[in-house]
Structures are given as C-alpha cells and as structure tokens.
Amino acid sequence: MIREHTFLSSSQDNFRFLRDQYGYAVSDKRLDPGKPWGDGAIEFYSSKVSLQVQKDCGAFIVLIRPINEPDISEMSLSWILRALSVSERVVLPGEVAPTEYDSVLKINAQLLKTHCVSIVGGDFSSWLSILEFYVKESKKGYFARTGKKIPDRIHQSLEEYIASKKSKGYYP
C-alpha cells in the first residue's frame, strides 16, 4: 500500500521554499487526523508576512496578509493572481481526494513561487491595489449574479481599512 501524503506533511514539503529561501517559520498546525476531509491549517510566517494554507472539506486555500495587520487585510492566492492578471491562465482545483493533496499543494506552492515572489519576500507595495481589485470585482460579480448592488456593510470594514492606509500614504 502506498502511503498517502497527509495535508500537514505535504504542506510543509511543498512550501519548504518559504523556510529555505525566505526564513519563514511554522507557527501553527491544526488537523483532526480522524477526519481526512475535515478542516486543517498550517501557518508560515516571516517578519513581514503571514501565509496560511487551509484545508476545508478537501479543498485548499492559501491566505496571505502583512504581519501585524488585521485579518481584514488577508487575501487569498486566487484573488491575488486575478489582481495580477494571471488567473485567466491558471485553474486552482476545488475539492480533491486525500490522494491528490500533494499534487494540489504543489500547484499552489508553484503559483506562489512564480507569481508572488515580491509579496512572499515582504513587499506589499501593490497590496492596496490588490485589495481594491477584490472589492471592485466582488461587487461587480455580485451585481452580475443578482442584478442588485451588494450591501454596503459587506465591504465596509475593508474599504475603511484601505482608506486608512491610503491616508497614511504607505503600506506596511
């Protein structure tokens, strides 16, 4: 019987470049081993970046945010790629069986290495434009799906955060 890669071991293997090339450490690992389809998470961090790989019912999401910034400033890899105009060529798999965890995590790590080197290195000079892109596109998508304007409260905190950072003229 072939031993399948677990979520945590595959995450550590595939995202090893964060430790090796950028000095990241692992601060948090959570997984219920009795539930292979259940939730799990591993957080990598540097002095400037928090990067979390989450597993939710067999699907994966990579979340990035500047260290010491609120959760509202967190953005998924898929939205970052869209904001950087690379998502049209990239398809991130949805839910997969445990035997596919390693290959999907490898895809996510490669996308991060290929398209997000500056962010991984702690350069957030483009971060506000990424956050603004997310707000604009999610409003546009909501309208396209429903024919209605998205309620103001949905993005209010994020828009206030963006405005606050813009008023200071810099990002972390």
C-alpha atoms as a PDB file:
ATOM      1  CA  MET A   1       0.000   0.000   0.000  1.00  0.00           C
ATOM      2  CA  ILE A   2       1.327   3.427  -0.935  1.00  0.00           C
ATOM      3  CA  ARG A   3       1.425   5.832   1.963  1.00  0.00           C
ATOM      4  CA  GLU A   4      -0.539   8.942   1.064  1.00  0.00           C
ATOM      5  CA  HIS A   5       0.841  12.327   1.896  1.00  0.00           C
ATOM      6  CA  THR A   6      -1.017  13.963   4.720  1.00  0.00           C
ATOM      7  CA  PHE A   7      -2.151  17.549   4.475  1.00  0.00           C
ATOM      8  CA  LEU A   8       0.386  18.784   7.022  1.00  0.00           C
ATOM      9  CA  SER A   9       3.387  16.876   5.668  1.00  0.00           C
ATOM     10  CA  SER A  10       2.547  17.829   2.071  1.00  0.00           C
ATOM     11  CA  SER A  11       2.121  21.473   3.071  1.00  0.00           C
ATOM     12  CA  GLN A  12       5.482  21.517   4.802  1.00  0.00           C
ATOM     13  CA  ASP A  13       7.181  19.760   1.881  1.00  0.00           C
ATOM     14  CA  ASN A  14       5.646  21.866  -0.888  1.00  0.00           C
ATOM     15  CA  PHE A  15       6.012  25.188   0.888  1.00  0.00           C
ATOM     16  CA  ARG A  16       9.523  24.386   2.154  1.00  0.00           C
ATOM     17  CA  PHE A  17      10.888  27.134  -0.090  1.00  0.00           C
ATOM     18  CA  LEU A  18       9.346  29.652   2.317  1.00  0.00           C
ATOM     19  CA  ARG A  19      11.655  28.402   5.066  1.00  0.00           C
ATOM     20  CA  ASP A  20      14.665  27.703   2.866  1.00  0.00           C
ATOM     21  CA  GLN A  21      14.682  30.874   0.755  1.00  0.00           C
ATOM     22  CA  TYR A  22      12.850  33.423   2.904  1.00  0.00           C
ATOM     23  CA  GLY A  23      13.428  32.346   6.505  1.00  0.00           C
ATOM     24  CA  TYR A  24       9.794  31.601   7.320  1.00  0.00           C
ATOM     25  CA  ALA A  25       8.874  29.502  10.344  1.00  0.00           C
ATOM     26  CA  VAL A  26       5.793  27.446  11.125  1.00  0.00           C
ATOM     27  CA  SER A  27       3.685  28.869  13.929  1.00  0.00           C
ATOM     28  CA  ASP A  28       0.529  26.824  13.857  1.00  0.00           C
ATOM     29  CA  LYS A  29      -0.552  23.406  12.654  1.00  0.00           C
ATOM     30  CA  ARG A  30      -4.091  22.117  13.125  1.00  0.00           C
ATOM     31  CA  LEU A  31      -5.717  18.977  11.807  1.00  0.00           C
ATOM     32  CA  ASP A  32      -8.127  16.374  13.063  1.00  0.00           C
ATOM     33  CA  PRO A  33      -6.483  13.119  11.879  1.00  0.00           C
ATOM     34  CA  GLY A  34      -9.751  11.263  12.354  1.00  0.00           C
ATOM     35  CA  LYS A  35     -11.375  13.363   9.628  1.00  0.00           C
ATOM     36  CA  PRO A  36      -9.322  13.264   6.419  1.00  0.00           C
ATOM     37  CA  TRP A  37     -11.867  15.538   4.693  1.00  0.00           C
ATOM     38  CA  GLY A  38     -12.065  17.849   7.705  1.00  0.00           C
ATOM     39  CA  ASP A  39     -10.552  21.212   8.241  1.00  0.00           C
ATOM     40  CA  GLY A  40      -6.862  21.762   8.751  1.00  0.00           C
ATOM     41  CA  ALA A  41      -4.456  24.672   8.630  1.00  0.00           C
ATOM     42  CA  ILE A  42      -0.768  25.410   8.755  1.00  0.00           C
ATOM     43  CA  GLU A  43       0.643  28.905   9.144  1.00  0.00           C
ATOM     44  CA  PHE A  44       4.017  30.004   7.831  1.00  0.00           C
ATOM     45  CA  TYR A  45       5.313  33.394   8.872  1.00  0.00           C
ATOM     46  CA  SER A  46       8.261  35.700   8.411  1.00  0.00           C
ATOM     47  CA  SER A  47       8.973  39.064   9.985  1.00  0.00           C
ATOM     48  CA  LYS A  48       6.724  40.666   7.332  1.00  0.00           C
ATOM     49  CA  VAL A  49       4.288  38.024   6.063  1.00  0.00           C
ATOM     50  CA  SER A  50       1.729  35.588   7.437  1.00  0.00           C
ATOM     51  CA  LEU A  51       0.835  32.836   4.989  1.00  0.00           C
ATOM     52  CA  GLN A  52      -1.760  30.255   5.910  1.00  0.00           C
ATOM     53  CA  VAL A  53      -2.602  27.098   3.965  1.00  0.00           C
ATOM     54  CA  GLN A  54      -6.075  25.886   4.870  1.00  0.00           C
ATOM     55  CA  LYS A  55      -7.865  22.675   4.020  1.00  0.00           C
ATOM     56  CA  ASP A  56     -11.635  22.712   4.079  1.00  0.00           C
ATOM     57  CA  CYS A  57     -13.534  19.573   3.051  1.00  0.00           C
ATOM     58  CA  GLY A  58     -10.836  18.544   0.585  1.00  0.00           C
ATOM     59  CA  ALA A  59     -10.350  21.992  -0.972  1.00  0.00           C
ATOM     60  CA  PHE A  60      -7.399  24.275  -0.315  1.00  0.00           C
ATOM     61  CA  ILE A  61      -6.960  27.984   0.104  1.00  0.00           C
ATOM     62  CA  VAL A  62      -3.743  29.941   0.588  1.00  0.00           C
ATOM     63  CA  LEU A  63      -4.225  33.176   2.543  1.00  0.00           C
ATOM     64  CA  ILE A  64      -1.648  35.943   2.788  1.00  0.00           C
ATOM     65  CA  ARG A  65      -1.523  39.091   4.890  1.00  0.00           C
ATOM     66  CA  PRO A  66       1.066  41.512   6.149  1.00  0.00           C
ATOM     67  CA  ILE A  67       2.234  40.564   9.634  1.00  0.00           C
ATOM     68  CA  ASN A  68       0.754  42.660  12.450  1.00  0.00           C
ATOM     69  CA  GLU A  69      -2.134  43.749  10.244  1.00  0.00           C
ATOM     70  CA  PRO A  70      -5.750  42.784  10.970  1.00  0.00           C
ATOM     71  CA  ASP A  71      -7.412  39.761   9.407  1.00  0.00           C
ATOM     72  CA  ILE A  72      -9.410  42.108   7.169  1.00  0.00           C
ATOM     73  CA  SER A  73      -6.194  42.702   5.197  1.00  0.00           C
ATOM     74  CA  GLU A  74      -5.877  38.994   4.363  1.00  0.00           C
ATOM     75  CA  MET A  75      -6.229  37.935   0.737  1.00  0.00           C
ATOM     76  CA  SER A  76      -6.422  34.546  -0.957  1.00  0.00           C
ATOM     77  CA  LEU A  77      -3.871  33.443  -3.530  1.00  0.00           C
ATOM     78  CA  SER A  78      -6.616  33.061  -6.127  1.00  0.00           C
ATOM     79  CA  TRP A  79      -7.682  36.710  -5.731  1.00  0.00           C
ATOM     80  CA  ILE A  80      -4.063  37.868  -5.730  1.00  0.00           C
ATOM     81  CA  LEU A  81      -3.468  36.014  -9.001  1.00  0.00           C
ATOM     82  CA  ARG A  82      -6.591  37.566 -10.516  1.00  0.00           C
ATOM     83  CA  ALA A  83      -5.461  41.026  -9.415  1.00  0.00           C
ATOM     84  CA  LEU A  84      -2.069  40.380 -11.012  1.00  0.00           C
ATOM     85  CA  SER A  85      -3.840  39.270 -14.225  1.00  0.00           C
ATOM     86  CA  VAL A  86      -2.530  35.714 -14.131  1.00  0.00           C
ATOM     87  CA  SER A  87      -5.689  33.846 -13.153  1.00  0.00           C
ATOM     88  CA  GLU A  88      -7.000  33.581 -16.701  1.00  0.00           C
ATOM     89  CA  ARG A  89      -4.261  31.043 -17.396  1.00  0.00           C
ATOM     90  CA  VAL A  90      -4.401  29.329 -14.009  1.00  0.00           C
ATOM     91  CA  VAL A  91      -7.003  26.925 -12.686  1.00  0.00           C
ATOM     92  CA  LEU A  92      -6.896  26.097  -8.995  1.00  0.00           C
ATOM     93  CA  PRO A  93      -8.525  22.727  -8.279  1.00  0.00           C
ATOM     94  CA  GLY A  94     -11.537  22.633  -5.974  1.00  0.00           C
ATOM     95  CA  GLU A  95     -12.250  19.677  -3.722  1.00  0.00           C
ATOM     96  CA  VAL A  96      -9.936  16.709  -4.183  1.00  0.00           C
ATOM     97  CA  ALA A  97      -9.477  13.306  -2.558  1.00  0.00           C
ATOM     98  CA  PRO A  98      -6.744  12.889   0.064  1.00  0.00           C
ATOM     99  CA  THR A  99      -4.597  11.042  -2.501  1.00  0.00           C
ATOM    100  CA  GLU A 100      -4.471  14.281  -4.535  1.00  0.00           C
ATOM    101  CA  TYR A 101      -3.490  16.637  -1.690  1.00  0.00           C
ATOM    102  CA  ASP A 102       0.183  16.592  -2.590  1.00  0.00           C
ATOM    103  CA  SER A 103      -0.334  17.496  -6.253  1.00  0.00           C
ATOM    104  CA  VAL A 104      -2.780  20.323  -5.433  1.00  0.00           C
ATOM    105  CA  LEU A 105      -0.497  21.768  -2.755  1.00  0.00           C
ATOM    106  CA  LYS A 106       2.365  21.571  -5.253  1.00  0.00           C
ATOM    107  CA  ILE A 107       0.301  23.644  -7.730  1.00  0.00           C
ATOM    108  CA  ASN A 108      -0.447  26.273  -5.081  1.00  0.00           C
ATOM    109  CA  ALA A 109       3.195  26.474  -3.991  1.00  0.00           C
ATOM    110  CA  GLN A 110       4.392  26.780  -7.600  1.00  0.00           C
ATOM    111  CA  LEU A 111       1.900  29.589  -8.309  1.00  0.00           C
ATOM    112  CA  LEU A 112       3.140  31.392  -5.230  1.00  0.00           C
ATOM    113  CA  LYS A 113       6.799  30.966  -6.283  1.00  0.00           C
ATOM    114  CA  THR A 114       6.111  32.014  -9.862  1.00  0.00           C
ATOM    115  CA  HIS A 115       3.791  34.978  -9.415  1.00  0.00           C
ATOM    116  CA  CYS A 116       4.105  36.278  -5.841  1.00  0.00           C
ATOM    117  CA  VAL A 117       7.829  36.454  -5.147  1.00  0.00           C
ATOM    118  CA  SER A 118       7.769  40.101  -4.066  1.00  0.00           C
ATOM    119  CA  ILE A 119       4.826  39.573  -1.707  1.00  0.00           C
ATOM    120  CA  VAL A 120       6.378  36.423  -0.218  1.00  0.00           C
ATOM    121  CA  GLY A 121       9.511  38.487   0.323  1.00  0.00           C
ATOM    122  CA  GLY A 122       7.512  41.110   2.235  1.00  0.00           C
ATOM    123  CA  ASP A 123       6.995  43.761  -0.459  1.00  0.00           C
ATOM    124  CA  PHE A 124       3.404  44.935  -0.052  1.00  0.00           C
ATOM    125  CA  SER A 125       3.673  47.977  -2.323  1.00  0.00           C
ATOM    126  CA  SER A 126       0.928  46.530  -4.552  1.00  0.00           C
ATOM    127  CA  TRP A 127      -1.248  45.287  -1.690  1.00  0.00           C
ATOM    128  CA  LEU A 128      -3.756  48.145  -1.611  1.00  0.00           C
ATOM    129  CA  SER A 129      -4.400  47.782  -5.328  1.00  0.00           C
ATOM    130  CA  ILE A 130      -4.939  44.031  -4.805  1.00  0.00           C
ATOM    131  CA  LEU A 131      -7.431  44.728  -2.016  1.00  0.00           C
ATOM    132  CA  GLU A 132      -9.185  47.377  -4.125  1.00  0.00           C
ATOM    133  CA  PHE A 133      -9.354  44.953  -7.062  1.00  0.00           C
ATOM    134  CA  TYR A 134     -11.009  42.386  -4.809  1.00  0.00           C
ATOM    135  CA  VAL A 135     -13.661  44.864  -3.606  1.00  0.00           C
ATOM    136  CA  LYS A 136     -14.400  46.126  -7.128  1.00  0.00           C
ATOM    137  CA  GLU A 137     -14.585  42.665  -8.698  1.00  0.00           C
ATOM    138  CA  SER A 138     -16.671  41.115  -5.932  1.00  0.00           C
ATOM    139  CA  LYS A 139     -19.170  43.996  -6.224  1.00  0.00           C
ATOM    140  CA  LYS A 140     -19.256  43.566  -9.990  1.00  0.00           C
ATOM    141  CA  GLY A 141     -19.677  39.780  -9.671  1.00  0.00           C
ATOM    142  CA  TYR A 142     -22.481  40.138  -7.140  1.00  0.00           C
ATOM    143  CA  PHE A 143     -24.328  42.529  -9.437  1.00  0.00           C
ATOM    144  CA  ALA A 144     -23.856  40.197 -12.424  1.00  0.00           C
ATOM    145  CA  ARG A 145     -25.258  37.253 -10.444  1.00  0.00           C
ATOM    146  CA  THR A 146     -28.145  39.014  -8.699  1.00  0.00           C
ATOM    147  CA  GLY A 147     -28.856  42.224 -10.590  1.00  0.00           C
ATOM    148  CA  LYS A 148     -28.539  44.036  -7.260  1.00  0.00           C
ATOM    149  CA  LYS A 149     -25.925  46.220  -5.628  1.00  0.00           C
ATOM    150  CA  ILE A 150     -24.015  44.390  -2.901  1.00  0.00           C
ATOM    151  CA  PRO A 151     -24.964  45.681   0.572  1.00  0.00           C
ATOM    152  CA  ASP A 152     -22.525  48.377   1.737  1.00  0.00           C
ATOM    153  CA  ARG A 153     -21.853  46.526   5.007  1.00  0.00           C
ATOM    154  CA  ILE A 154     -20.235  43.606   3.151  1.00  0.00           C
ATOM    155  CA  HIS A 155     -17.043  45.508   2.295  1.00  0.00           C
ATOM    156  CA  GLN A 156     -17.347  48.409   4.708  1.00  0.00           C
ATOM    157  CA  SER A 157     -14.549  47.288   7.053  1.00  0.00           C
ATOM    158  CA  LEU A 158     -12.186  46.520   4.193  1.00  0.00           C
ATOM    159  CA  GLU A 159     -12.927  49.812   2.443  1.00  0.00           C
ATOM    160  CA  GLU A 160     -12.317  51.704   5.685  1.00  0.00           C
ATOM    161  CA  TYR A 161      -9.052  49.819   6.136  1.00  0.00           C
ATOM    162  CA  ILE A 162      -7.942  50.693   2.585  1.00  0.00           C
ATOM    163  CA  ALA A 163      -8.881  54.362   3.090  1.00  0.00           C
ATOM    164  CA  SER A 164      -6.970  54.447   6.368  1.00  0.00           C
ATOM    165  CA  LYS A 165      -3.821  53.037   4.760  1.00  0.00           C
ATOM    166  CA  LYS A 166      -4.122  55.405   1.788  1.00  0.00           C
ATOM    167  CA  SER A 167      -4.471  58.416   4.104  1.00  0.00           C
ATOM    168  CA  LYS A 168      -1.151  57.455   5.696  1.00  0.00           C
ATOM    169  CA  GLY A 169       0.417  57.241   2.256  1.00  0.00           C
ATOM    170  CA  TYR A 170       2.060  53.863   2.717  1.00  0.00           C
ATOM    171  CA  TYR A 171       1.521  50.216   3.360  1.00  0.00           C
ATOM    172  CA  PRO A 172       3.400  48.164   5.991  1.00  0.00           C
END
